[in-house]
Protein backbone atom coordinates (compact mmCIF):
# COMPACT_ATOMS: atom_id res chain seq x y z
CA UNK A 1 0.00 0.00 0.00
CA UNK A 2 1.18 3.55 -0.77
CA UNK A 3 2.53 5.64 2.05
CA UNK A 4 -0.25 7.66 3.78
CA UNK A 5 -0.11 11.43 3.61
CA UNK A 6 -1.22 14.12 6.07
CA UNK A 7 -2.79 17.08 4.28
CA UNK A 8 -2.05 20.44 5.88
CA UNK A 9 -4.13 23.51 4.99
CA UNK A 10 -2.50 26.52 6.70
CA UNK A 11 -3.55 30.16 6.58
CA UNK A 12 -1.28 32.25 4.36
CA UNK A 13 0.24 34.36 7.18
CA UNK A 14 3.84 33.52 8.07
CA UNK A 15 2.90 33.14 11.75
CA UNK A 16 0.44 30.40 10.78
CA UNK A 17 2.21 28.77 7.84
CA UNK A 18 5.59 28.14 9.48
CA UNK A 19 4.30 26.64 12.78
CA UNK A 20 1.97 24.28 10.89
CA UNK A 21 4.78 23.21 8.58
CA UNK A 22 7.03 22.68 11.59
CA UNK A 23 4.34 20.54 13.22
CA UNK A 24 4.22 18.46 10.04
CA UNK A 25 7.98 17.93 10.19
CA UNK A 26 7.69 16.73 13.75
CA UNK A 27 5.04 14.24 12.72
CA UNK A 28 7.37 12.86 10.09
CA UNK A 29 10.24 12.61 12.54
CA UNK A 30 8.17 10.95 15.24
CA UNK A 31 6.01 8.49 13.32
CA UNK A 32 7.04 4.85 13.65
CA UNK A 33 5.46 4.20 10.25
CA UNK A 34 6.19 6.02 6.98
CA UNK A 35 4.21 9.21 6.38
CA UNK A 36 4.38 12.07 3.91
CA UNK A 37 3.07 15.64 4.17
CA UNK A 38 0.99 17.37 1.50
CA UNK A 39 0.63 21.12 1.99
CA UNK A 40 -2.22 22.88 0.20
CA UNK A 41 -1.07 26.47 -0.26
CA UNK A 42 -3.72 29.18 -0.35
CA UNK A 43 -2.22 32.31 -1.92
CA UNK A 44 -2.15 35.39 0.25
CA UNK A 45 -5.15 37.46 -0.89
CA UNK A 46 -4.64 40.87 -2.46
CA UNK A 47 -0.88 40.79 -1.87
CA UNK A 48 2.22 41.00 -4.00
CA UNK A 49 4.40 40.10 -1.00
CA UNK A 50 4.65 36.34 -0.79
CA UNK A 51 8.43 36.22 -0.47
CA UNK A 52 8.62 34.88 3.11
CA UNK A 53 6.39 31.87 2.54
CA UNK A 54 7.79 31.33 -0.94
CA UNK A 55 11.29 31.17 0.53
CA UNK A 56 10.23 28.56 3.10
CA UNK A 57 8.68 26.46 0.34
CA UNK A 58 11.79 26.85 -1.86
CA UNK A 59 14.03 25.61 0.97
CA UNK A 60 11.85 22.59 1.61
CA UNK A 61 11.66 21.66 -2.06
CA UNK A 62 15.42 22.12 -2.43
CA UNK A 63 16.04 19.52 0.28
CA UNK A 64 15.14 16.83 -2.23
CA UNK A 65 13.63 14.54 0.39
CA UNK A 66 10.26 14.42 -1.33
CA UNK A 67 8.32 13.70 1.85
CA UNK A 68 6.83 17.21 1.96
CA UNK A 69 4.97 18.16 -1.19
CA UNK A 70 3.37 21.54 -1.91
CA UNK A 71 0.24 21.95 -4.00
CA UNK A 72 -0.53 25.58 -4.88
CA UNK A 73 -4.24 26.26 -5.10
CA UNK A 74 -5.38 28.75 -7.77
CA UNK A 75 -6.28 32.19 -6.48
CA UNK A 76 -9.91 33.09 -5.90
CA UNK A 77 -11.48 36.49 -5.43
CA UNK A 78 -11.43 37.20 -1.68
CA UNK A 79 -14.34 38.65 0.31
CA UNK A 80 -14.67 42.36 -0.32
CA UNK A 81 -16.06 43.29 3.10
CA UNK A 82 -15.68 41.92 6.61
CA UNK A 83 -15.87 43.02 10.22
CA UNK A 84 -12.70 41.28 11.39
CA UNK A 85 -9.85 39.06 10.29
CA UNK A 86 -11.49 35.95 11.75
CA UNK A 87 -14.54 36.44 9.54
CA UNK A 88 -12.30 37.16 6.57
CA UNK A 89 -10.25 33.96 7.05
CA UNK A 90 -13.36 31.84 7.58
CA UNK A 91 -15.07 33.11 4.44
CA UNK A 92 -11.91 33.08 2.32
CA UNK A 93 -11.20 29.46 3.30
CA UNK A 94 -14.80 28.56 2.49
CA UNK A 95 -14.23 29.73 -1.09
CA UNK A 96 -11.46 27.15 -1.35
CA UNK A 97 -13.59 24.17 -0.26
CA UNK A 98 -14.15 22.90 -3.84
CA UNK A 99 -10.43 23.20 -4.63
CA UNK A 100 -9.40 21.46 -1.42
CA UNK A 101 -11.87 18.66 -2.13
CA UNK A 102 -10.52 18.26 -5.67
CA UNK A 103 -6.89 18.27 -4.52
CA UNK A 104 -7.50 15.66 -1.83
CA UNK A 105 -9.67 13.52 -4.12
CA UNK A 106 -6.85 13.48 -6.69
CA UNK A 107 -4.42 11.89 -4.24
CA UNK A 108 -3.58 8.29 -5.05
CA UNK A 109 -2.41 7.40 -1.55
CA UNK A 110 -4.36 6.98 1.72
CA UNK A 111 -5.11 10.23 3.53
CA UNK A 112 -4.31 10.10 7.25
CA UNK A 113 -6.08 13.39 7.89
CA UNK A 114 -6.85 16.85 6.57
CA UNK A 115 -5.53 19.34 9.12
CA UNK A 116 -6.98 22.84 8.85
CA UNK A 117 -5.99 26.08 10.51
CA UNK A 118 -7.79 27.66 13.46
CA UNK A 119 -10.57 29.50 11.55
CA UNK A 120 -10.81 27.18 8.53
CA UNK A 121 -13.44 24.70 9.71
CA UNK A 122 -15.52 25.51 6.62
CA UNK A 123 -13.09 23.09 4.92
CA UNK A 124 -14.38 20.24 7.07
CA UNK A 125 -17.14 19.83 4.49
CA UNK A 126 -14.58 18.79 1.86
CA UNK A 127 -13.04 16.21 4.20
CA UNK A 128 -16.41 14.86 5.28
CA UNK A 129 -17.61 14.47 1.70
CA UNK A 130 -14.47 12.46 0.89
CA UNK A 131 -14.85 10.48 4.14
CA UNK A 132 -11.34 11.27 5.36
CA UNK A 133 -10.53 12.36 8.95
CA UNK A 134 -10.49 16.09 9.67
CA UNK A 135 -8.36 17.76 12.33
CA UNK A 136 -7.85 21.35 13.40
CA UNK A 137 -4.48 22.81 14.34
CA UNK A 138 -4.33 25.70 16.80
CA UNK A 139 -1.19 27.81 16.69
CA UNK A 140 -2.42 29.34 19.94
CA UNK A 141 -3.08 28.17 23.50
CA UNK A 142 -5.24 25.53 25.15
CA UNK A 143 -7.04 28.44 26.82
CA UNK A 144 -8.04 29.69 23.36
CA UNK A 145 -9.17 26.17 22.47
CA UNK A 146 -11.32 26.11 25.60
CA UNK A 147 -12.85 29.48 24.77
CA UNK A 148 -13.70 28.44 21.21
CA UNK A 149 -15.27 25.19 22.40
CA UNK A 150 -17.19 27.11 25.05
CA UNK A 151 -18.34 29.92 22.73
CA UNK A 152 -21.52 28.25 21.36
CA UNK A 153 -22.83 27.62 24.89
CA UNK A 154 -21.81 31.11 26.03
CA UNK A 155 -23.73 32.55 23.10
CA UNK A 156 -26.85 30.57 24.01
CA UNK A 157 -26.61 31.61 27.65
CA UNK A 158 -26.83 35.32 26.80
CA UNK A 159 -29.98 37.09 25.78
CA UNK A 160 -30.08 38.54 22.27
CA UNK A 161 -28.40 41.94 21.87
CA UNK A 162 -26.72 41.65 25.28
CA UNK A 163 -22.94 42.09 25.36
CA UNK A 164 -20.63 40.15 27.68
CA UNK A 165 -19.61 43.27 29.57
CA UNK A 166 -23.28 43.96 30.33
CA UNK A 167 -24.11 40.52 31.71
CA UNK A 168 -20.92 39.04 33.16
CA UNK A 169 -20.24 41.13 36.26
CA UNK A 170 -17.84 38.56 37.66
CA UNK A 171 -16.28 37.82 34.30
CA UNK A 172 -16.85 35.31 31.50
CA UNK A 173 -16.85 31.67 32.54
CA UNK A 174 -14.14 29.69 30.73
CA UNK A 175 -13.64 26.41 32.61
CA UNK A 176 -10.12 25.95 33.91
CA UNK A 177 -9.47 29.70 34.14
CA UNK A 178 -10.32 32.40 36.66
CA UNK A 179 -13.31 34.49 35.49
CA UNK A 180 -12.23 36.32 32.33
CA UNK A 181 -13.02 40.07 32.19
CA UNK A 182 -15.04 40.91 29.10
CA UNK A 183 -12.36 43.47 28.24
CA UNK A 184 -9.89 40.58 27.82
CA UNK A 185 -11.88 38.62 25.24
CA UNK A 186 -10.34 38.32 21.76
CA UNK A 187 -11.04 41.09 19.28
CA UNK A 188 -14.30 40.23 17.52
CA UNK A 189 -15.58 37.93 20.24
CA UNK A 190 -16.24 40.83 22.59
CA UNK A 191 -18.78 42.39 20.20
CA UNK A 192 -21.81 40.19 19.58
CA UNK A 193 -23.31 42.61 17.04
CA UNK A 194 -20.74 42.05 14.28
CA UNK A 195 -20.44 39.11 11.84
CA UNK A 196 -16.94 38.22 13.11
CA UNK A 197 -18.49 37.20 16.43
CA UNK A 198 -20.80 34.76 14.64
CA UNK A 199 -17.79 33.21 12.89
CA UNK A 200 -16.05 32.68 16.22
CA UNK A 201 -19.09 30.75 17.43
CA UNK A 202 -19.42 28.90 14.11
CA UNK A 203 -15.82 27.66 14.23
CA UNK A 204 -16.11 26.71 17.89
CA UNK A 205 -19.22 24.66 17.16
CA UNK A 206 -17.58 22.86 14.23
CA UNK A 207 -14.56 21.89 16.34
CA UNK A 208 -16.80 19.20 17.77
CA UNK A 209 -16.79 17.48 14.35
CA UNK A 210 -13.01 17.09 14.34
CA UNK A 211 -11.26 13.76 14.75
CA UNK A 212 -8.82 15.65 16.96
CA UNK A 213 -7.58 19.11 17.94
CA UNK A 214 -3.83 19.66 17.78
CA UNK A 215 -2.64 22.50 20.03
CA UNK A 216 0.75 24.20 20.08
CA UNK A 217 1.09 24.14 23.85
CA UNK A 218 2.66 22.08 26.63
CA UNK A 219 0.48 20.10 29.03
CA UNK A 220 2.41 21.44 32.02
CA UNK A 221 1.72 25.06 31.02
CA UNK A 222 -2.08 24.79 31.08
CA UNK A 223 -3.08 21.71 33.11
CA UNK A 224 -6.34 23.11 34.51
CA UNK A 225 -7.65 24.23 31.14
CA UNK A 226 -6.76 20.94 29.49
CA UNK A 227 -8.44 19.06 32.33
CA UNK A 228 -11.60 21.11 31.88
CA UNK A 229 -11.69 20.36 28.14
CA UNK A 230 -11.16 16.63 28.74
CA UNK A 231 -13.93 16.58 31.36
CA UNK A 232 -16.47 18.13 28.97
CA UNK A 233 -16.77 21.30 31.06
CA UNK A 234 -16.35 23.49 27.96
CA UNK A 235 -18.92 21.55 25.94
CA UNK A 236 -21.80 21.08 28.40
CA UNK A 237 -20.73 17.58 29.35
CA UNK A 238 -20.42 16.34 25.77
CA UNK A 239 -17.07 14.68 25.16
CA UNK A 240 -14.83 16.99 23.14
CA UNK A 241 -12.53 15.62 20.41
CA UNK A 242 -9.14 14.37 21.59
CA UNK A 243 -6.71 17.21 22.22
CA UNK A 244 -3.05 16.65 21.31
CA UNK A 245 -0.59 19.03 22.99
CA UNK A 246 2.57 18.85 20.87
CA UNK A 247 4.27 22.17 21.71
CA UNK A 248 6.23 24.18 21.90
CA UNK A 249 6.41 24.09 18.12
CA UNK A 250 9.14 26.69 17.63
CA UNK A 251 11.13 26.53 14.40
CA UNK A 252 14.82 27.25 14.84
CA UNK A 253 17.25 27.88 11.99
CA UNK A 254 19.52 24.83 11.78
CA UNK A 255 23.24 25.35 12.13
CA UNK A 256 25.17 25.35 8.87
CA UNK A 257 28.37 24.27 10.58
CA UNK A 258 29.93 27.70 10.20
CA UNK A 259 28.91 30.24 12.82
CA UNK A 260 27.04 33.10 11.23
CA UNK A 261 27.97 36.65 12.11
CA UNK A 262 26.03 37.87 15.14
CA UNK A 263 23.30 40.42 14.55
CA UNK A 264 24.08 43.93 15.77
CA UNK A 265 21.45 43.62 18.51
CA UNK A 266 23.09 40.43 19.77
CA UNK A 267 26.54 42.01 19.70
CA UNK A 268 25.19 44.91 21.78
CA UNK A 269 23.75 42.47 24.30
CA UNK A 270 27.16 40.81 24.62
CA UNK A 271 28.39 43.90 26.47
CA UNK A 272 25.49 44.02 28.96
CA UNK A 273 25.35 42.38 32.43
CA UNK A 274 23.31 39.17 32.88
CA UNK A 275 19.50 39.56 33.13
CA UNK A 276 19.82 43.36 33.06
CA UNK A 277 18.10 44.25 29.77
CA UNK A 278 14.39 44.55 29.13
CA UNK A 279 13.52 43.62 25.56
CA UNK A 280 10.57 45.36 23.84
CA UNK A 281 9.28 43.80 20.62
CA UNK A 282 5.77 43.69 19.17
CA UNK A 283 5.63 41.02 16.48
CA UNK A 284 5.54 41.23 12.72
CA UNK A 285 2.73 43.79 12.59
CA UNK A 286 3.32 45.89 15.72
CA UNK A 287 4.09 49.58 15.19
CA UNK A 288 3.55 52.87 17.01
CA UNK A 289 2.71 56.46 16.31
CA UNK A 290 5.06 59.17 17.54
CA UNK A 291 2.89 60.12 20.57
CA UNK A 292 2.87 56.52 21.84
CA UNK A 293 6.58 56.11 21.07
CA UNK A 294 7.25 59.22 23.16
CA UNK A 295 5.39 57.66 26.10
CA UNK A 296 7.48 54.50 25.79
CA UNK A 297 10.69 56.52 25.60
CA UNK A 298 9.83 58.51 28.71
CA UNK A 299 8.86 55.33 30.57
CA UNK A 300 12.12 53.63 29.65
CA UNK A 301 14.17 56.66 30.58
CA UNK A 302 12.49 57.04 33.97
CA UNK A 303 12.71 53.34 34.78
CA UNK A 304 16.50 53.51 34.77
CA UNK A 305 16.78 50.03 33.26
CA UNK A 306 18.79 48.88 30.28
CA UNK A 307 16.66 48.20 27.24
CA UNK A 308 16.62 46.87 23.69
CA UNK A 309 13.61 48.32 21.88
CA UNK A 310 12.46 47.24 18.42
CA UNK A 311 10.58 50.30 17.15
CA UNK A 312 8.78 50.01 13.81
CA UNK A 313 6.94 52.76 11.98
CA UNK A 314 3.33 52.83 10.82
CA UNK A 315 2.45 50.90 7.62
CA UNK A 316 2.44 52.74 4.31
CA UNK A 317 -1.05 53.66 3.04
CA UNK A 318 -2.79 50.62 1.61
CA UNK A 319 -0.46 48.15 3.31
CA UNK A 320 -0.58 46.23 6.60
CA UNK A 321 3.03 45.65 7.57
CA UNK A 322 5.08 48.19 9.52
CA UNK A 323 7.89 50.14 7.95
CA UNK A 324 11.38 50.61 9.32
CA UNK A 325 11.12 53.19 12.06
CA UNK A 326 12.24 56.75 11.40
CA UNK A 327 13.82 57.36 14.81
CA UNK A 328 14.16 61.11 14.25
CA UNK A 329 10.40 61.39 13.77
CA UNK A 330 9.33 58.80 16.36
CA UNK A 331 11.56 59.58 19.35
CA UNK A 332 11.75 62.63 21.63
CA UNK A 333 14.64 64.97 20.89
CA UNK A 334 17.77 63.95 22.79
CA UNK A 335 16.46 60.53 23.87
CA UNK A 336 19.11 58.48 22.08
CA UNK A 337 21.91 60.61 23.49
CA UNK A 338 20.53 60.56 27.03
CA UNK A 339 20.17 56.74 27.06
CA UNK A 340 23.33 55.92 25.11
CA UNK A 341 25.17 52.99 26.63
CA UNK A 342 22.20 51.54 28.49
CA UNK A 343 19.74 51.39 25.62
CA UNK A 344 19.49 50.41 21.97
CA UNK A 345 16.59 51.31 19.70
CA UNK A 346 16.44 49.10 16.63
CA UNK A 347 14.19 50.41 13.81
CA UNK A 348 13.88 47.23 11.71
CA UNK A 349 13.18 43.51 12.12
CA UNK A 350 15.27 41.88 14.83
CA UNK A 351 16.14 38.23 15.55
CA UNK A 352 13.71 37.75 18.43
CA UNK A 353 14.59 34.13 19.27
CA UNK A 354 18.31 34.88 19.42
CA UNK A 355 17.70 37.94 21.58
CA UNK A 356 15.46 36.06 24.03
CA UNK A 357 18.13 33.35 24.26
CA UNK A 358 20.77 35.87 25.35
CA UNK A 359 21.84 35.83 29.01
CA UNK A 360 21.64 39.64 29.20
CA UNK A 361 17.85 39.68 28.66
CA UNK A 362 15.91 39.72 31.92
CA UNK A 363 12.42 40.68 30.79
CA UNK A 364 10.24 40.88 27.68
CA UNK A 365 7.58 43.49 26.89
CA UNK A 366 5.53 41.60 24.30
CA UNK A 367 2.41 41.99 22.20
CA UNK A 368 1.43 38.49 23.44
CA UNK A 369 1.30 36.64 20.15
CA UNK A 370 1.38 32.96 21.12
CA UNK A 371 4.54 32.22 19.14
CA UNK A 372 6.34 35.00 21.00
CA UNK A 373 5.03 33.73 24.33
CA UNK A 374 6.35 30.23 23.64
CA UNK A 375 9.73 31.60 22.60
CA UNK A 376 9.92 33.61 25.82
CA UNK A 377 8.96 30.63 27.99
CA UNK A 378 11.40 28.36 26.13
CA UNK A 379 14.16 30.68 27.33
CA UNK A 380 12.68 31.33 30.77
CA UNK A 381 12.17 35.07 30.24
CA UNK A 382 9.35 36.66 32.31
CA UNK A 383 7.02 39.05 30.53
CA UNK A 384 5.13 42.33 30.65
CA UNK A 385 2.05 41.96 28.38
CA UNK A 386 1.18 44.75 25.96
CA UNK A 387 -1.53 43.20 23.73
CA UNK A 388 -2.42 44.93 20.49
CA UNK A 389 -5.23 42.85 18.95
CA UNK A 390 -6.58 39.43 17.91
CA UNK A 391 -6.47 37.03 20.91
CA UNK A 392 -3.57 38.89 22.54
CA UNK A 393 -5.62 40.50 25.34
CA UNK A 394 -6.88 37.04 26.25
CA UNK A 395 -3.34 35.65 26.16
CA UNK A 396 -2.18 38.50 28.38
CA UNK A 397 -4.85 37.63 30.94
CA UNK A 398 -3.84 33.96 31.03
CA UNK A 399 -0.13 34.82 31.39
CA UNK A 400 -0.86 36.78 34.55
CA UNK A 401 -3.91 35.08 36.07
CA UNK A 402 -3.30 31.43 35.15
CA UNK A 403 0.38 30.80 34.35
CA UNK A 404 1.87 33.44 36.63
CA UNK A 405 4.76 34.24 34.26
CA UNK A 406 4.03 37.93 33.70
CA UNK A 407 3.71 41.21 35.59
CA UNK A 408 0.44 42.97 34.66
CA UNK A 409 0.39 46.33 32.91
CA UNK A 410 -2.68 48.51 32.34
CA UNK A 411 -3.38 48.78 28.61
CA UNK A 412 -6.22 51.08 27.53
CA UNK A 413 -7.94 48.99 24.87
CA UNK A 414 -10.47 51.71 24.10
CA UNK A 415 -7.64 54.13 23.27
CA UNK A 416 -5.94 51.94 20.68
CA UNK A 417 -4.12 49.96 23.40
CA UNK A 418 -2.49 53.06 24.83
CA UNK A 419 0.04 52.78 27.67
CA UNK A 420 1.28 55.86 29.47
CA UNK A 421 4.88 56.47 30.45
CA UNK A 422 4.12 56.15 34.16
CA UNK A 423 2.41 52.78 33.76
CA UNK A 424 5.26 51.38 31.66
CA UNK A 425 7.78 52.65 34.21
CA UNK A 426 5.84 50.99 37.03
CA UNK A 427 5.58 47.64 35.21
CA UNK A 428 9.26 47.61 34.28
CA UNK A 429 10.32 48.34 37.83
CA UNK A 430 7.94 45.69 39.14
CA UNK A 431 9.51 43.11 36.84
CA UNK A 432 13.17 44.10 36.78
CA UNK A 433 13.89 45.48 40.27
CA UNK A 434 15.42 43.07 42.77
CA UNK A 435 13.78 42.29 46.10
CA UNK A 436 10.10 42.31 45.10
CA UNK A 437 8.28 39.15 46.16
CA UNK A 438 5.83 39.29 43.23
CA UNK A 439 8.65 39.72 40.70
CA UNK A 440 10.62 36.90 42.30
CA UNK A 441 7.65 34.53 41.94
CA UNK A 442 7.14 35.52 38.31
CA UNK A 443 10.82 34.90 37.54
CA UNK A 444 10.79 31.55 39.31
CA UNK A 445 7.63 30.54 37.49
CA UNK A 446 9.15 31.50 34.13
CA UNK A 447 12.17 29.31 34.87
CA UNK A 448 9.86 26.44 35.86
CA UNK A 449 8.07 26.78 32.54
CA UNK A 450 11.41 26.80 30.70
CA UNK A 451 12.26 23.47 32.31
CA UNK A 452 8.77 22.11 31.55
CA UNK A 453 8.94 23.13 27.87
CA UNK A 454 12.31 21.50 27.35
CA UNK A 455 11.43 18.34 29.20
CA UNK A 456 8.15 18.04 27.25
CA UNK A 457 9.92 17.60 23.90
CA UNK A 458 12.46 15.09 25.19
CA UNK A 459 11.93 11.36 24.77
CA UNK A 460 9.16 10.37 27.18
CA UNK A 461 8.13 13.99 27.77
CA UNK A 462 4.47 15.02 27.59
CA UNK A 463 4.62 16.59 24.11
CA UNK A 464 6.72 13.74 22.75
CA UNK A 465 4.16 11.22 24.02
CA UNK A 466 1.27 13.27 22.62
CA UNK A 467 2.96 13.54 19.24
CA UNK A 468 3.37 9.77 19.17
CA UNK A 469 -0.30 9.36 20.09
CA UNK A 470 -1.27 11.68 17.25
CA UNK A 471 0.92 9.79 14.78
CA UNK A 472 -0.74 6.52 15.73
CA UNK A 473 -4.23 8.00 15.38
CA UNK A 474 -3.37 9.39 11.95
CA UNK A 475 -1.85 6.17 10.63
CA UNK A 476 -4.72 4.04 11.94
CA UNK A 477 -7.30 6.41 10.43
CA UNK A 478 -5.69 6.65 6.98
CA UNK A 479 -8.16 5.92 4.16
CA UNK A 480 -8.37 6.43 0.43
CA UNK A 481 -10.61 9.40 -0.38
CA UNK A 482 -14.07 8.49 -1.60
CA UNK A 483 -14.18 9.71 -5.19
C-alpha cells in the first residue's frame, strides 16, 4: 500500500504557515510508520508580497527529500467586506472548499487526515464528503481552544443583543481559568453585534466534528484548562474531540556548521550584564505612532533600566506591515543621546529568538502573540504583556492570572491599546527590580516553565508522548478518499 499522507491547509500568514509546517515535520520525525506531508497552499489574498512563505517552500523543495509536497491552489477572489480578520479567514477558506476537495480527491495514496488552521473549519465539508478524517491545528493556546469550544454555549446563555460586559459582572466563565473580564476577550468575540463574532461561534461549534484538535502548547503550562476540556466542562458535558498538545512548536534555523555573524542587537547584548536588559518587541505587525513612542521613551528613561527596543513605523497607506522606524520622527529629541550605553533602539526587524536566548535579557515586553510567548517561555524570560489585537488581550490575561509568568500592565484597549509612560515605568520596575516578592515569583515561574517546555519535547516527555499518540491515530485512520 502507498505511504499515507497528512494534508495540511494553513492560513497564508507567516505566523500560521511556518508553525503548521514545523508541526508536520515533527510528525514525520516521530512516526514509527512512513508518512508524507501534503501542503495545500492558499495564496495570500490581495498581496504581492509572498516572499517569506515562498522562501520557506523553496528551501523545503530544495532539500530533495520528497516527503513534503506543496500543491498551490489557484487564487480566488477574496471577500470584499468583513468586520474582522477571523470572519475574513473563515469566508476566504470557504471559497477554497471545492479546490481542497478536488486536490484531496486526486491523491492516489491513503489520507491520514486533513488538518486545517484555526478559523478554517468551513473546509471540514470537503473532508467529510471524501470520508477522510479532519483535524484542526491551533497555533495558539489551550485556553483559546477552551474558549472556542465554550463559545456556542456562552452565546446561548446570553440574551439577544446583550454584550458580555453587560451581563458578566464577575467575568466570563471559561472552565479551567479564573473568570475572564469581558475586556480581555479576543477582538471580535467581545462584540456580539458584528459578523466576526458569529464566525467565532461557528468555528467553535464545528470543532466538535473534528477527529482531533492539535494544540501548540505544553500540558504542564495549562493543566487546569486541558483538564476542563477533557472533562467536557467546555462543551456542556459532551465529550470533546481528543486534544493533542505537541508544543512548543518553535522553528529554529539549523546550524550550517559555520557560525554566522552575530546580529548587531546580539553584539550589543554581549556587552550588557546578565539579566539586566528589558527587551521590547511587538511582532511582525506591531508599530507605534510618535505620541505613543514618546510615552514608551519617557517610561524607559524614567525606569532607569537597560533596554533593547524594536521600534517600527506605521504601515504605508494601503499596506498592513510596519515600515522601518524613522527614529528622528518617532523619538523625543535627545532621547538616544541621554540613554546611550544603556539602551538600543532598533528600527527594523530583529532576531527575536536569538535575543530572548541571550543571558543579558531579563524581561520581555511583548504583544502576546502565542509564538512570542512560547519563545519567551522556552528561554525562561518573564514578561510584561502589551496586547495589540486578535487574541492577545486574552493571552495576556492567562499569562498573569493562570500561568503566573508575567507582571500585569494597564493597557487602555479603548484608546488603541495606549500605555502611558508612568504605567510602563511601574511595570518595568515591578519586573526588573530586585527584592520584590511578586517579581521573584514571576521569575521563578518562568524558569519552571522553561524546564517544563524542554522536558516536554524530550523522549518520554508530555509533548513527545502526545505527538506519538497523534501519529498513531493518523496512521490508523488513513483511508483512500471516496471519489
